Amino acid sequence: MDLIRICTFTERGRELAKRIEERANGFMFSYREDEPLQDFLAESFAMRVPVLFIGACGIAVRMIAPFVKDKLTDSAVLVADEAGQYVIPILSGHVGGANALAKRLADAMSAQAVITTATDVNGLFSADVFAEKNGLLIVNREGIAEVSAKLLREGRITVSVSPEIEFDENEVPKELTLISYPPTEYADLVISREEVPAVLRLAPRPYVVGIGCRKGMSAEVILAQVNASLSDCGLSERKNEICAFASIDLKAAEPGLLRAAAEHGVKLYTYSAKELSDMEGSFSFSAFVEQVTGVSNVCERAAMFHAGEGAELVKEKLAENGVTVAVARRKDRIVTWET
């Protein structure tokens, strides 16, 4: 479930927002009410939540300017015109997911997504989107621009993948040339935990933190419980190996949980009670949690669900102060090459 915060300025804009909510599946929408726009945006960026403006691009650009800091952590920002003809991603198109969100919303609205990112419009591999989709750590961020520039200039880059990482060679995009590991020559892209010289190196992040919490729980309390769980399983000094927080979709708009994920440098992914209930395996059971959420355990099941096939639970539920946390380790695998 993807949360999008919507900002409108006119009655026509509000009507379009309601139509989007009725037609777009897989989203949860929240709206700016009476709070000042700057406060609404400050909170959105602090939680790393996508924002959709319905109105003029100029207004959106001026309003978000004070909050724009880093392409790898900024919120996705999109603009739709009041007539519902176009959806335009204007910030964080790749890592933040604004380009993908624009396409999904445009499809739901029968509108046109206006994508301007060079690799996208040329149909080329995007290294930062690839890293985000596969939960990989971008080790040297300056390499993103260099790899993209070479793709645009020459149409190909070389890629070397550590043998510990599973992937299907038949799915590798045509513009990527696989070379041996470790590479005998300087590679454009290396996917490995080892410090292999490359224009851009991406490293696996194998751990997923599953979280359940009471409504209104603060980010500070949630992070304290997360840190306690990481300490218990020896990950206190390896926080950059955490690829995601995961929970139930009832918590998709929980401010403290979203802010905790953002402060930890990851995104929050949420899943339905049915998806979590259908998970096979042995998990802790709580009749109270099942009554409230529809699933007997949130944190362990959410961690394992996001971690995917072949995952293992490395830290069972730790419960304290209204927060439950579990940690799963996923297999080192490239899930998709699509960007």
C-alpha atoms as a PDB file:
ATOM      1  CA  MET A   1       0.000   0.000   0.000  1.00  0.00           C
ATOM      2  CA  ASP A   2       1.486   3.356  -1.072  1.00  0.00           C
ATOM      3  CA  LEU A   3       0.621   6.515   0.839  1.00  0.00           C
ATOM      4  CA  ILE A   4       0.300   9.786  -1.077  1.00  0.00           C
ATOM      5  CA  ARG A   5      -0.432  13.136   0.557  1.00  0.00           C
ATOM      6  CA  ILE A   6      -2.532  15.437  -1.609  1.00  0.00           C
ATOM      7  CA  CYS A   7      -2.494  19.230  -1.659  1.00  0.00           C
ATOM      8  CA  THR A   8      -5.310  21.095  -3.436  1.00  0.00           C
ATOM      9  CA  PHE A   9      -6.202  24.772  -3.718  1.00  0.00           C
ATOM     10  CA  THR A  10      -9.614  24.955  -5.404  1.00  0.00           C
ATOM     11  CA  GLU A  11     -12.935  23.140  -5.421  1.00  0.00           C
ATOM     12  CA  ARG A  12     -12.173  21.710  -8.836  1.00  0.00           C
ATOM     13  CA  GLY A  13      -8.883  20.398  -7.528  1.00  0.00           C
ATOM     14  CA  ARG A  14     -10.622  18.747  -4.589  1.00  0.00           C
ATOM     15  CA  GLU A  15     -13.100  17.089  -6.939  1.00  0.00           C
ATOM     16  CA  LEU A  16     -10.235  15.665  -9.008  1.00  0.00           C
ATOM     17  CA  ALA A  17      -8.545  14.388  -5.853  1.00  0.00           C
ATOM     18  CA  LYS A  18     -11.681  12.467  -4.927  1.00  0.00           C
ATOM     19  CA  ARG A  19     -11.885  10.962  -8.423  1.00  0.00           C
ATOM     20  CA  ILE A  20      -8.263   9.858  -8.170  1.00  0.00           C
ATOM     21  CA  GLU A  21      -8.961   8.235  -4.817  1.00  0.00           C
ATOM     22  CA  GLU A  22     -11.946   6.360  -6.279  1.00  0.00           C
ATOM     23  CA  ARG A  23     -10.055   5.072  -9.313  1.00  0.00           C
ATOM     24  CA  ALA A  24      -6.476   4.446  -8.155  1.00  0.00           C
ATOM     25  CA  ASN A  25      -5.948   1.050  -6.546  1.00  0.00           C
ATOM     26  CA  GLY A  26      -3.103   0.208  -4.186  1.00  0.00           C
ATOM     27  CA  PHE A  27      -2.913   3.705  -2.707  1.00  0.00           C
ATOM     28  CA  MET A  28      -3.844   5.347   0.571  1.00  0.00           C
ATOM     29  CA  PHE A  29      -4.514   9.082   0.305  1.00  0.00           C
ATOM     30  CA  SER A  30      -4.392  11.774   2.967  1.00  0.00           C
ATOM     31  CA  TYR A  31      -5.172  15.452   2.506  1.00  0.00           C
ATOM     32  CA  ARG A  32      -3.942  18.776   3.793  1.00  0.00           C
ATOM     33  CA  GLU A  33      -6.697  20.175   5.953  1.00  0.00           C
ATOM     34  CA  ASP A  34      -6.315  23.429   7.873  1.00  0.00           C
ATOM     35  CA  GLU A  35      -2.605  23.355   8.693  1.00  0.00           C
ATOM     36  CA  PRO A  36      -0.272  25.810   6.927  1.00  0.00           C
ATOM     37  CA  LEU A  37       1.110  24.441   3.677  1.00  0.00           C
ATOM     38  CA  GLN A  38       4.701  24.770   4.860  1.00  0.00           C
ATOM     39  CA  ASP A  39       3.944  22.671   7.950  1.00  0.00           C
ATOM     40  CA  PHE A  40       2.227  20.044   5.787  1.00  0.00           C
ATOM     41  CA  LEU A  41       5.233  19.858   3.470  1.00  0.00           C
ATOM     42  CA  ALA A  42       7.775  19.836   6.299  1.00  0.00           C
ATOM     43  CA  GLU A  43       6.018  16.832   7.815  1.00  0.00           C
ATOM     44  CA  SER A  44       5.736  15.093   4.431  1.00  0.00           C
ATOM     45  CA  PHE A  45       9.458  15.454   3.732  1.00  0.00           C
ATOM     46  CA  ALA A  46      10.355  14.399   7.292  1.00  0.00           C
ATOM     47  CA  MET A  47       8.364  11.205   6.725  1.00  0.00           C
ATOM     48  CA  ARG A  48       9.660  10.834   3.146  1.00  0.00           C
ATOM     49  CA  VAL A  49       6.087  10.553   1.874  1.00  0.00           C
ATOM     50  CA  PRO A  50       5.112  11.391  -1.739  1.00  0.00           C
ATOM     51  CA  VAL A  51       3.179  14.624  -2.269  1.00  0.00           C
ATOM     52  CA  LEU A  52       0.742  15.277  -5.110  1.00  0.00           C
ATOM     53  CA  PHE A  53      -0.099  18.901  -5.877  1.00  0.00           C
ATOM     54  CA  ILE A  54      -3.222  19.539  -7.913  1.00  0.00           C
ATOM     55  CA  GLY A  55      -2.625  22.911  -9.506  1.00  0.00           C
ATOM     56  CA  ALA A  56       0.223  24.794 -11.156  1.00  0.00           C
ATOM     57  CA  CYS A  57       3.801  23.501 -11.303  1.00  0.00           C
ATOM     58  CA  GLY A  58       5.108  26.932 -10.348  1.00  0.00           C
ATOM     59  CA  ILE A  59       3.272  26.889  -7.029  1.00  0.00           C
ATOM     60  CA  ALA A  60       4.607  23.419  -6.237  1.00  0.00           C
ATOM     61  CA  VAL A  61       8.200  24.369  -7.094  1.00  0.00           C
ATOM     62  CA  ARG A  62       8.139  27.478  -4.904  1.00  0.00           C
ATOM     63  CA  MET A  63       6.512  25.667  -1.988  1.00  0.00           C
ATOM     64  CA  ILE A  64       8.873  22.675  -1.869  1.00  0.00           C
ATOM     65  CA  ALA A  65      12.072  24.692  -2.426  1.00  0.00           C
ATOM     66  CA  PRO A  66      12.966  25.044   1.302  1.00  0.00           C
ATOM     67  CA  PHE A  67      12.751  21.277   1.816  1.00  0.00           C
ATOM     68  CA  VAL A  68      14.733  19.974  -1.155  1.00  0.00           C
ATOM     69  CA  LYS A  69      18.024  18.511   0.109  1.00  0.00           C
ATOM     70  CA  ASP A  70      19.116  15.225  -1.451  1.00  0.00           C
ATOM     71  CA  LYS A  71      17.978  13.240  -4.490  1.00  0.00           C
ATOM     72  CA  LEU A  72      18.389  10.002  -2.545  1.00  0.00           C
ATOM     73  CA  THR A  73      16.158  11.027   0.377  1.00  0.00           C
ATOM     74  CA  ASP A  74      13.780  13.759  -0.849  1.00  0.00           C
ATOM     75  CA  SER A  75      10.086  12.970  -1.031  1.00  0.00           C
ATOM     76  CA  ALA A  76       8.619  12.253  -4.420  1.00  0.00           C
ATOM     77  CA  VAL A  77       6.668  15.297  -5.614  1.00  0.00           C
ATOM     78  CA  LEU A  78       4.143  15.241  -8.440  1.00  0.00           C
ATOM     79  CA  VAL A  79       1.804  17.781  -9.997  1.00  0.00           C
ATOM     80  CA  ALA A  80      -1.526  17.165 -11.741  1.00  0.00           C
ATOM     81  CA  ASP A  81      -3.463  19.856 -13.563  1.00  0.00           C
ATOM     82  CA  GLU A  82      -7.027  20.520 -12.388  1.00  0.00           C
ATOM     83  CA  ALA A  83      -8.485  19.066 -15.597  1.00  0.00           C
ATOM     84  CA  GLY A  84      -6.782  15.760 -14.887  1.00  0.00           C
ATOM     85  CA  GLN A  85      -4.963  15.675 -18.233  1.00  0.00           C
ATOM     86  CA  TYR A  86      -1.362  15.358 -17.026  1.00  0.00           C
ATOM     87  CA  VAL A  87       0.633  13.983 -14.102  1.00  0.00           C
ATOM     88  CA  ILE A  88       4.150  15.435 -13.854  1.00  0.00           C
ATOM     89  CA  PRO A  89       6.876  14.177 -11.491  1.00  0.00           C
ATOM     90  CA  ILE A  90       8.999  17.178 -10.515  1.00  0.00           C
ATOM     91  CA  LEU A  91      11.205  15.797  -7.736  1.00  0.00           C
ATOM     92  CA  SER A  92      12.786  12.445  -6.823  1.00  0.00           C
ATOM     93  CA  GLY A  93      11.695  10.690  -9.983  1.00  0.00           C
ATOM     94  CA  HIS A  94      13.949   7.685  -9.488  1.00  0.00           C
ATOM     95  CA  VAL A  95      14.801   6.739  -5.883  1.00  0.00           C
ATOM     96  CA  GLY A  96      11.716   8.480  -4.505  1.00  0.00           C
ATOM     97  CA  GLY A  97       9.580   6.769  -7.111  1.00  0.00           C
ATOM     98  CA  ALA A  98       7.861   9.859  -8.551  1.00  0.00           C
ATOM     99  CA  ASN A  99       8.142   8.635 -12.158  1.00  0.00           C
ATOM    100  CA  ALA A 100       6.579   5.265 -11.357  1.00  0.00           C
ATOM    101  CA  LEU A 101       3.853   6.904  -9.269  1.00  0.00           C
ATOM    102  CA  ALA A 102       3.079   9.325 -12.100  1.00  0.00           C
ATOM    103  CA  LYS A 103       2.549   6.422 -14.514  1.00  0.00           C
ATOM    104  CA  ARG A 104       0.283   4.563 -12.082  1.00  0.00           C
ATOM    105  CA  LEU A 105      -1.813   7.640 -11.317  1.00  0.00           C
ATOM    106  CA  ALA A 106      -2.018   8.598 -14.984  1.00  0.00           C
ATOM    107  CA  ASP A 107      -3.265   5.121 -15.871  1.00  0.00           C
ATOM    108  CA  ALA A 108      -5.957   5.376 -13.198  1.00  0.00           C
ATOM    109  CA  MET A 109      -7.006   8.825 -14.413  1.00  0.00           C
ATOM    110  CA  SER A 110      -6.709   8.070 -18.164  1.00  0.00           C
ATOM    111  CA  ALA A 111      -4.209  10.929 -18.207  1.00  0.00           C
ATOM    112  CA  GLN A 112      -0.714  11.463 -19.608  1.00  0.00           C
ATOM    113  CA  ALA A 113       2.365  10.973 -17.427  1.00  0.00           C
ATOM    114  CA  VAL A 114       4.971  13.570 -18.397  1.00  0.00           C
ATOM    115  CA  ILE A 115       8.365  11.958 -17.783  1.00  0.00           C
ATOM    116  CA  THR A 116      11.507  13.974 -18.503  1.00  0.00           C
ATOM    117  CA  THR A 117      14.328  11.897 -16.951  1.00  0.00           C
ATOM    118  CA  ALA A 118      16.862  11.104 -19.686  1.00  0.00           C
ATOM    119  CA  THR A 119      17.305   7.370 -19.010  1.00  0.00           C
ATOM    120  CA  ASP A 120      13.529   6.895 -18.846  1.00  0.00           C
ATOM    121  CA  VAL A 121      12.699   8.698 -22.076  1.00  0.00           C
ATOM    122  CA  ASN A 122      15.460   6.763 -23.852  1.00  0.00           C
ATOM    123  CA  GLY A 123      14.292   3.455 -22.403  1.00  0.00           C
ATOM    124  CA  LEU A 124      17.619   2.752 -20.702  1.00  0.00           C
ATOM    125  CA  PHE A 125      18.628   1.015 -17.480  1.00  0.00           C
ATOM    126  CA  SER A 126      18.510   3.278 -14.417  1.00  0.00           C
ATOM    127  CA  ALA A 127      21.053   2.317 -11.755  1.00  0.00           C
ATOM    128  CA  ASP A 128      19.419   4.181  -8.871  1.00  0.00           C
ATOM    129  CA  VAL A 129      15.955   2.760  -9.588  1.00  0.00           C
ATOM    130  CA  PHE A 130      17.528  -0.700  -9.879  1.00  0.00           C
ATOM    131  CA  ALA A 131      19.204  -0.229  -6.494  1.00  0.00           C
ATOM    132  CA  GLU A 132      15.964   0.910  -4.871  1.00  0.00           C
ATOM    133  CA  LYS A 133      13.890  -1.951  -6.259  1.00  0.00           C
ATOM    134  CA  ASN A 134      16.427  -4.529  -5.116  1.00  0.00           C
ATOM    135  CA  GLY A 135      17.199  -2.995  -1.735  1.00  0.00           C
ATOM    136  CA  LEU A 136      20.837  -2.364  -2.633  1.00  0.00           C
ATOM    137  CA  LEU A 137      23.047   0.195  -0.933  1.00  0.00           C
ATOM    138  CA  ILE A 138      24.500   2.870  -3.226  1.00  0.00           C
ATOM    139  CA  VAL A 139      28.101   2.916  -1.989  1.00  0.00           C
ATOM    140  CA  ASN A 140      29.458   5.777  -4.104  1.00  0.00           C
ATOM    141  CA  ARG A 141      26.583   7.974  -5.213  1.00  0.00           C
ATOM    142  CA  GLU A 142      28.654  10.072  -7.621  1.00  0.00           C
ATOM    143  CA  GLY A 143      28.865   6.996  -9.825  1.00  0.00           C
ATOM    144  CA  ILE A 144      25.157   7.164 -10.650  1.00  0.00           C
ATOM    145  CA  ALA A 145      25.582  10.185 -12.915  1.00  0.00           C
ATOM    146  CA  GLU A 146      28.703   8.730 -14.545  1.00  0.00           C
ATOM    147  CA  VAL A 147      27.015   5.414 -15.350  1.00  0.00           C
ATOM    148  CA  SER A 148      23.908   7.164 -16.683  1.00  0.00           C
ATOM    149  CA  ALA A 149      26.031   9.480 -18.822  1.00  0.00           C
ATOM    150  CA  LYS A 150      27.877   6.537 -20.365  1.00  0.00           C
ATOM    151  CA  LEU A 151      24.607   4.762 -21.109  1.00  0.00           C
ATOM    152  CA  LEU A 152      23.260   7.856 -22.849  1.00  0.00           C
ATOM    153  CA  ARG A 153      26.536   8.405 -24.695  1.00  0.00           C
ATOM    154  CA  GLU A 154      27.470   4.848 -25.704  1.00  0.00           C
ATOM    155  CA  GLY A 155      24.353   2.787 -25.063  1.00  0.00           C
ATOM    156  CA  ARG A 156      26.187   0.152 -22.972  1.00  0.00           C
ATOM    157  CA  ILE A 157      27.892  -0.356 -19.628  1.00  0.00           C
ATOM    158  CA  THR A 158      29.795  -3.296 -18.084  1.00  0.00           C
ATOM    159  CA  VAL A 159      28.442  -5.094 -15.015  1.00  0.00           C
ATOM    160  CA  SER A 160      30.177  -7.517 -12.642  1.00  0.00           C
ATOM    161  CA  VAL A 161      28.112  -9.410 -10.052  1.00  0.00           C
ATOM    162  CA  SER A 162      29.503 -11.274  -7.043  1.00  0.00           C
ATOM    163  CA  PRO A 163      28.794 -15.026  -7.254  1.00  0.00           C
ATOM    164  CA  GLU A 164      27.093 -14.909  -3.834  1.00  0.00           C
ATOM    165  CA  ILE A 165      24.212 -12.990  -5.426  1.00  0.00           C
ATOM    166  CA  GLU A 166      21.561 -14.980  -7.281  1.00  0.00           C
ATOM    167  CA  PHE A 167      20.209 -13.603 -10.548  1.00  0.00           C
ATOM    168  CA  ASP A 168      18.908 -14.737 -13.914  1.00  0.00           C
ATOM    169  CA  GLU A 169      21.365 -13.867 -16.683  1.00  0.00           C
ATOM    170  CA  ASN A 170      18.527 -14.072 -19.228  1.00  0.00           C
ATOM    171  CA  GLU A 171      16.818 -11.097 -17.580  1.00  0.00           C
ATOM    172  CA  VAL A 172      19.810  -8.748 -17.772  1.00  0.00           C
ATOM    173  CA  PRO A 173      18.945  -5.728 -19.972  1.00  0.00           C
ATOM    174  CA  LYS A 174      20.552  -5.655 -23.399  1.00  0.00           C
ATOM    175  CA  GLU A 175      22.491  -2.474 -22.619  1.00  0.00           C
ATOM    176  CA  LEU A 176      24.355  -4.232 -19.778  1.00  0.00           C
ATOM    177  CA  THR A 177      27.374  -6.382 -20.655  1.00  0.00           C
ATOM    178  CA  LEU A 178      28.167  -8.986 -17.986  1.00  0.00           C
ATOM    179  CA  ILE A 179      31.851  -9.454 -17.230  1.00  0.00           C
ATOM    180  CA  SER A 180      33.655 -11.796 -14.822  1.00  0.00           C
ATOM    181  CA  TYR A 181      33.893 -11.305 -11.069  1.00  0.00           C
ATOM    182  CA  PRO A 182      36.108  -9.945  -9.787  1.00  0.00           C
ATOM    183  CA  PRO A 183      36.508  -7.899 -12.943  1.00  0.00           C
ATOM    184  CA  THR A 184      39.888  -8.010 -14.640  1.00  0.00           C
ATOM    185  CA  GLU A 185      39.278  -4.512 -15.954  1.00  0.00           C
ATOM    186  CA  TYR A 186      37.645  -1.474 -14.384  1.00  0.00           C
ATOM    187  CA  ALA A 187      33.886  -2.121 -14.403  1.00  0.00           C
ATOM    188  CA  ASP A 188      31.149   0.461 -14.748  1.00  0.00           C
ATOM    189  CA  LEU A 189      28.872  -1.261 -12.239  1.00  0.00           C
ATOM    190  CA  VAL A 190      29.793  -3.813  -9.572  1.00  0.00           C
ATOM    191  CA  ILE A 191      27.266  -5.490  -7.290  1.00  0.00           C
ATOM    192  CA  SER A 192      29.117  -6.862  -4.292  1.00  0.00           C
ATOM    193  CA  ARG A 193      29.819  -6.480  -0.584  1.00  0.00           C
ATOM    194  CA  GLU A 194      33.536  -6.419  -1.311  1.00  0.00           C
ATOM    195  CA  GLU A 195      35.311  -3.154  -2.051  1.00  0.00           C
ATOM    196  CA  VAL A 196      35.875  -3.851  -5.732  1.00  0.00           C
ATOM    197  CA  PRO A 197      36.920  -0.784  -7.779  1.00  0.00           C
ATOM    198  CA  ALA A 198      34.128   0.406 -10.053  1.00  0.00           C
ATOM    199  CA  VAL A 199      32.518   3.550 -11.383  1.00  0.00           C
ATOM    200  CA  LEU A 200      29.485   2.602  -9.268  1.00  0.00           C
ATOM    201  CA  ARG A 201      29.252  -0.065  -6.593  1.00  0.00           C
ATOM    202  CA  LEU A 202      26.011  -1.387  -5.147  1.00  0.00           C
ATOM    203  CA  ALA A 203      26.066  -3.595  -2.048  1.00  0.00           C
ATOM    204  CA  PRO A 204      23.417  -6.045  -0.791  1.00  0.00           C
ATOM    205  CA  ARG A 205      21.403  -4.999   2.242  1.00  0.00           C
ATOM    206  CA  PRO A 206      19.977  -8.284   3.507  1.00  0.00           C
ATOM    207  CA  TYR A 207      17.973  -7.279   6.583  1.00  0.00           C
ATOM    208  CA  VAL A 208      14.311  -6.260   6.892  1.00  0.00           C
ATOM    209  CA  VAL A 209      12.862  -4.843  10.115  1.00  0.00           C
ATOM    210  CA  GLY A 210       9.234  -5.744  10.753  1.00  0.00           C
ATOM    211  CA  ILE A 211       7.326  -3.424  13.090  1.00  0.00           C
ATOM    212  CA  GLY A 212       3.967  -3.330  14.817  1.00  0.00           C
ATOM    213  CA  CYS A 213       2.926  -0.431  17.032  1.00  0.00           C
ATOM    214  CA  ARG A 214       0.051   1.252  18.794  1.00  0.00           C
ATOM    215  CA  LYS A 215      -1.549   4.257  17.113  1.00  0.00           C
ATOM    216  CA  GLY A 216       0.203   7.547  17.809  1.00  0.00           C
ATOM    217  CA  MET A 217       3.522   6.001  18.828  1.00  0.00           C
ATOM    218  CA  SER A 218       6.434   8.415  18.462  1.00  0.00           C
ATOM    219  CA  ALA A 219       9.389   7.836  16.159  1.00  0.00           C
ATOM    220  CA  GLU A 220      11.719   8.014  19.162  1.00  0.00           C
ATOM    221  CA  VAL A 221      10.000   5.125  20.956  1.00  0.00           C
ATOM    222  CA  ILE A 222       9.859   3.053  17.768  1.00  0.00           C
ATOM    223  CA  LEU A 223      13.535   3.614  16.986  1.00  0.00           C
ATOM    224  CA  ALA A 224      14.540   2.736  20.544  1.00  0.00           C
ATOM    225  CA  GLN A 225      12.825  -0.626  20.141  1.00  0.00           C
ATOM    226  CA  VAL A 226      14.366  -1.136  16.696  1.00  0.00           C
ATOM    227  CA  ASN A 227      17.819  -0.407  18.094  1.00  0.00           C
ATOM    228  CA  ALA A 228      17.260  -2.876  20.939  1.00  0.00           C
ATOM    229  CA  SER A 229      16.340  -5.608  18.447  1.00  0.00           C
ATOM    230  CA  LEU A 230      19.327  -4.848  16.233  1.00  0.00           C
ATOM    231  CA  SER A 231      21.596  -4.997  19.277  1.00  0.00           C
ATOM    232  CA  ASP A 232      20.179  -8.389  20.244  1.00  0.00           C
ATOM    233  CA  CYS A 233      21.096  -9.884  16.859  1.00  0.00           C
ATOM    234  CA  GLY A 234      24.473  -8.184  16.501  1.00  0.00           C
ATOM    235  CA  LEU A 235      23.485  -5.555  13.949  1.00  0.00           C
ATOM    236  CA  SER A 236      24.024  -2.381  15.967  1.00  0.00           C
ATOM    237  CA  GLU A 237      27.081  -1.422  13.910  1.00  0.00           C
ATOM    238  CA  ARG A 238      25.624  -2.632  10.615  1.00  0.00           C
ATOM    239  CA  LYS A 239      22.570  -0.435  10.221  1.00  0.00           C
ATOM    240  CA  ASN A 240      23.418   0.270   6.590  1.00  0.00           C
ATOM    241  CA  GLU A 241      22.590  -3.397   5.931  1.00  0.00           C
ATOM    242  CA  ILE A 242      18.905  -2.704   6.705  1.00  0.00           C
ATOM    243  CA  CYS A 243      17.008  -2.322   3.431  1.00  0.00           C
ATOM    244  CA  ALA A 244      13.450  -1.674   4.654  1.00  0.00           C
ATOM    245  CA  PHE A 245      10.925  -1.340   7.460  1.00  0.00           C
ATOM    246  CA  ALA A 246       7.762  -3.403   6.975  1.00  0.00           C
ATOM    247  CA  SER A 247       4.354  -3.431   8.646  1.00  0.00           C
ATOM    248  CA  ILE A 248       0.622  -3.925   8.057  1.00  0.00           C
ATOM    249  CA  ASP A 249      -1.238  -1.519   5.769  1.00  0.00           C
ATOM    250  CA  LEU A 250      -3.226  -0.214   8.735  1.00  0.00           C
ATOM    251  CA  LYS A 251       0.012   1.581   9.621  1.00  0.00           C
ATOM    252  CA  ALA A 252       0.718   3.005   6.164  1.00  0.00           C
ATOM    253  CA  ALA A 253      -0.067   6.549   7.344  1.00  0.00           C
ATOM    254  CA  GLU A 254       1.266   6.240  10.914  1.00  0.00           C
ATOM    255  CA  PRO A 255       3.396   9.411  11.348  1.00  0.00           C
ATOM    256  CA  GLY A 256       5.789   8.008  13.972  1.00  0.00           C
ATOM    257  CA  LEU A 257       6.473   4.864  11.959  1.00  0.00           C
ATOM    258  CA  LEU A 258       7.020   6.789   8.733  1.00  0.00           C
ATOM    259  CA  ARG A 259       9.321   9.249  10.443  1.00  0.00           C
ATOM    260  CA  ALA A 260      11.252   6.405  12.105  1.00  0.00           C
ATOM    261  CA  ALA A 261      11.824   4.751   8.731  1.00  0.00           C
ATOM    262  CA  ALA A 262      12.944   8.049   7.194  1.00  0.00           C
ATOM    263  CA  GLU A 263      15.340   8.762  10.061  1.00  0.00           C
ATOM    264  CA  HIS A 264      16.790   5.292   9.642  1.00  0.00           C
ATOM    265  CA  GLY A 265      17.286   5.997   5.924  1.00  0.00           C
ATOM    266  CA  VAL A 266      14.848   3.410   4.575  1.00  0.00           C
ATOM    267  CA  LYS A 267      11.281   3.266   3.315  1.00  0.00           C
ATOM    268  CA  LEU A 268       8.260   1.776   5.029  1.00  0.00           C
ATOM    269  CA  TYR A 269       6.500  -0.984   3.079  1.00  0.00           C
ATOM    270  CA  THR A 270       3.074  -2.165   4.211  1.00  0.00           C
ATOM    271  CA  TYR A 271       0.972  -5.212   3.397  1.00  0.00           C
ATOM    272  CA  SER A 272      -2.613  -6.324   3.905  1.00  0.00           C
ATOM    273  CA  ALA A 273      -3.757  -8.590   6.716  1.00  0.00           C
ATOM    274  CA  LYS A 274      -4.530 -11.274   4.132  1.00  0.00           C
ATOM    275  CA  GLU A 275      -1.043 -11.120   2.637  1.00  0.00           C
ATOM    276  CA  LEU A 276       0.501 -11.431   6.078  1.00  0.00           C
ATOM    277  CA  SER A 277      -1.904 -14.159   7.225  1.00  0.00           C
ATOM    278  CA  ASP A 278      -1.153 -16.262   4.150  1.00  0.00           C
ATOM    279  CA  MET A 279       2.558 -16.379   5.056  1.00  0.00           C
ATOM    280  CA  GLU A 280       3.657 -19.929   5.781  1.00  0.00           C
ATOM    281  CA  GLY A 281       5.878 -20.547   8.781  1.00  0.00           C
ATOM    282  CA  SER A 282       5.982 -20.571  12.559  1.00  0.00           C
ATOM    283  CA  PHE A 283       5.253 -17.165  14.089  1.00  0.00           C
ATOM    284  CA  SER A 284       4.388 -15.730  17.485  1.00  0.00           C
ATOM    285  CA  PHE A 285       0.662 -15.541  18.168  1.00  0.00           C
ATOM    286  CA  SER A 286      -1.392 -12.810  19.809  1.00  0.00           C
ATOM    287  CA  ALA A 287      -5.182 -13.074  20.026  1.00  0.00           C
ATOM    288  CA  PHE A 288      -5.391  -9.336  20.795  1.00  0.00           C
ATOM    289  CA  VAL A 289      -3.357  -8.372  17.734  1.00  0.00           C
ATOM    290  CA  GLU A 290      -5.470 -10.692  15.598  1.00  0.00           C
ATOM    291  CA  GLN A 291      -8.656  -9.072  16.891  1.00  0.00           C
ATOM    292  CA  VAL A 292      -7.382  -5.571  16.142  1.00  0.00           C
ATOM    293  CA  THR A 293      -5.561  -6.136  12.838  1.00  0.00           C
ATOM    294  CA  GLY A 294      -6.911  -9.366  11.388  1.00  0.00           C
ATOM    295  CA  VAL A 295      -3.544 -11.108  11.639  1.00  0.00           C
ATOM    296  CA  SER A 296      -2.072 -12.792  14.725  1.00  0.00           C
ATOM    297  CA  ASN A 297       1.400 -11.294  14.338  1.00  0.00           C
ATOM    298  CA  VAL A 298       2.483  -8.190  12.435  1.00  0.00           C
ATOM    299  CA  CYS A 299       6.211  -7.677  12.948  1.00  0.00           C
ATOM    300  CA  GLU A 300       7.504 -11.183  12.195  1.00  0.00           C
ATOM    301  CA  ARG A 301       5.152 -11.785   9.275  1.00  0.00           C
ATOM    302  CA  ALA A 302       5.773  -8.347   7.732  1.00  0.00           C
ATOM    303  CA  ALA A 303       9.554  -8.783   7.952  1.00  0.00           C
ATOM    304  CA  MET A 304       9.406 -12.219   6.354  1.00  0.00           C
ATOM    305  CA  PHE A 305       6.892 -11.181   3.697  1.00  0.00           C
ATOM    306  CA  HIS A 306       9.044  -8.312   2.497  1.00  0.00           C
ATOM    307  CA  ALA A 307      12.213 -10.406   2.701  1.00  0.00           C
ATOM    308  CA  GLY A 308      10.703 -12.880   0.249  1.00  0.00           C
ATOM    309  CA  GLU A 309      11.351 -16.482  -0.697  1.00  0.00           C
ATOM    310  CA  GLY A 310      14.186 -18.168   1.145  1.00  0.00           C
ATOM    311  CA  ALA A 311      14.270 -15.629   3.990  1.00  0.00           C
ATOM    312  CA  GLU A 312      14.963 -16.524   7.604  1.00  0.00           C
ATOM    313  CA  LEU A 313      13.811 -14.891  10.826  1.00  0.00           C
ATOM    314  CA  VAL A 314      16.979 -13.867  12.669  1.00  0.00           C
ATOM    315  CA  LYS A 315      15.279 -12.004  15.525  1.00  0.00           C
ATOM    316  CA  GLU A 316      11.857 -13.009  16.800  1.00  0.00           C
ATOM    317  CA  LYS A 317       9.336 -10.535  18.181  1.00  0.00           C
ATOM    318  CA  LEU A 318      10.620  -8.144  20.816  1.00  0.00           C
ATOM    319  CA  ALA A 319       7.738  -6.320  22.478  1.00  0.00           C
ATOM    320  CA  GLU A 320       7.926  -3.317  24.761  1.00  0.00           C
ATOM    321  CA  ASN A 321       6.219   0.072  25.218  1.00  0.00           C
ATOM    322  CA  GLY A 322       3.537  -0.667  22.636  1.00  0.00           C
ATOM    323  CA  VAL A 323       6.029  -1.555  19.884  1.00  0.00           C
ATOM    324  CA  THR A 324       6.912  -4.969  18.479  1.00  0.00           C
ATOM    325  CA  VAL A 325       9.980  -5.540  16.302  1.00  0.00           C
ATOM    326  CA  ALA A 326      11.369  -8.543  14.421  1.00  0.00           C
ATOM    327  CA  VAL A 327      14.251  -8.880  11.956  1.00  0.00           C
ATOM    328  CA  ALA A 328      14.438 -11.107   8.863  1.00  0.00           C
ATOM    329  CA  ARG A 329      17.373 -11.852   6.593  1.00  0.00           C
ATOM    330  CA  ARG A 330      16.639 -12.246   2.908  1.00  0.00           C
ATOM    331  CA  LYS A 331      18.653 -14.145   0.343  1.00  0.00           C
ATOM    332  CA  ASP A 332      21.184 -12.204  -1.694  1.00  0.00           C
ATOM    333  CA  ARG A 333      19.188 -12.035  -4.890  1.00  0.00           C
ATOM    334  CA  ILE A 334      18.483  -9.615  -7.716  1.00  0.00           C
ATOM    335  CA  VAL A 335      14.698  -9.650  -7.769  1.00  0.00           C
ATOM    336  CA  THR A 336      14.287  -7.580 -10.912  1.00  0.00           C
ATOM    337  CA  TRP A 337      16.398  -5.847 -13.558  1.00  0.00           C
ATOM    338  CA  GLU A 338      13.460  -3.720 -14.697  1.00  0.00           C
ATOM    339  CA  THR A 339      13.739  -0.024 -14.034  1.00  0.00           C
END
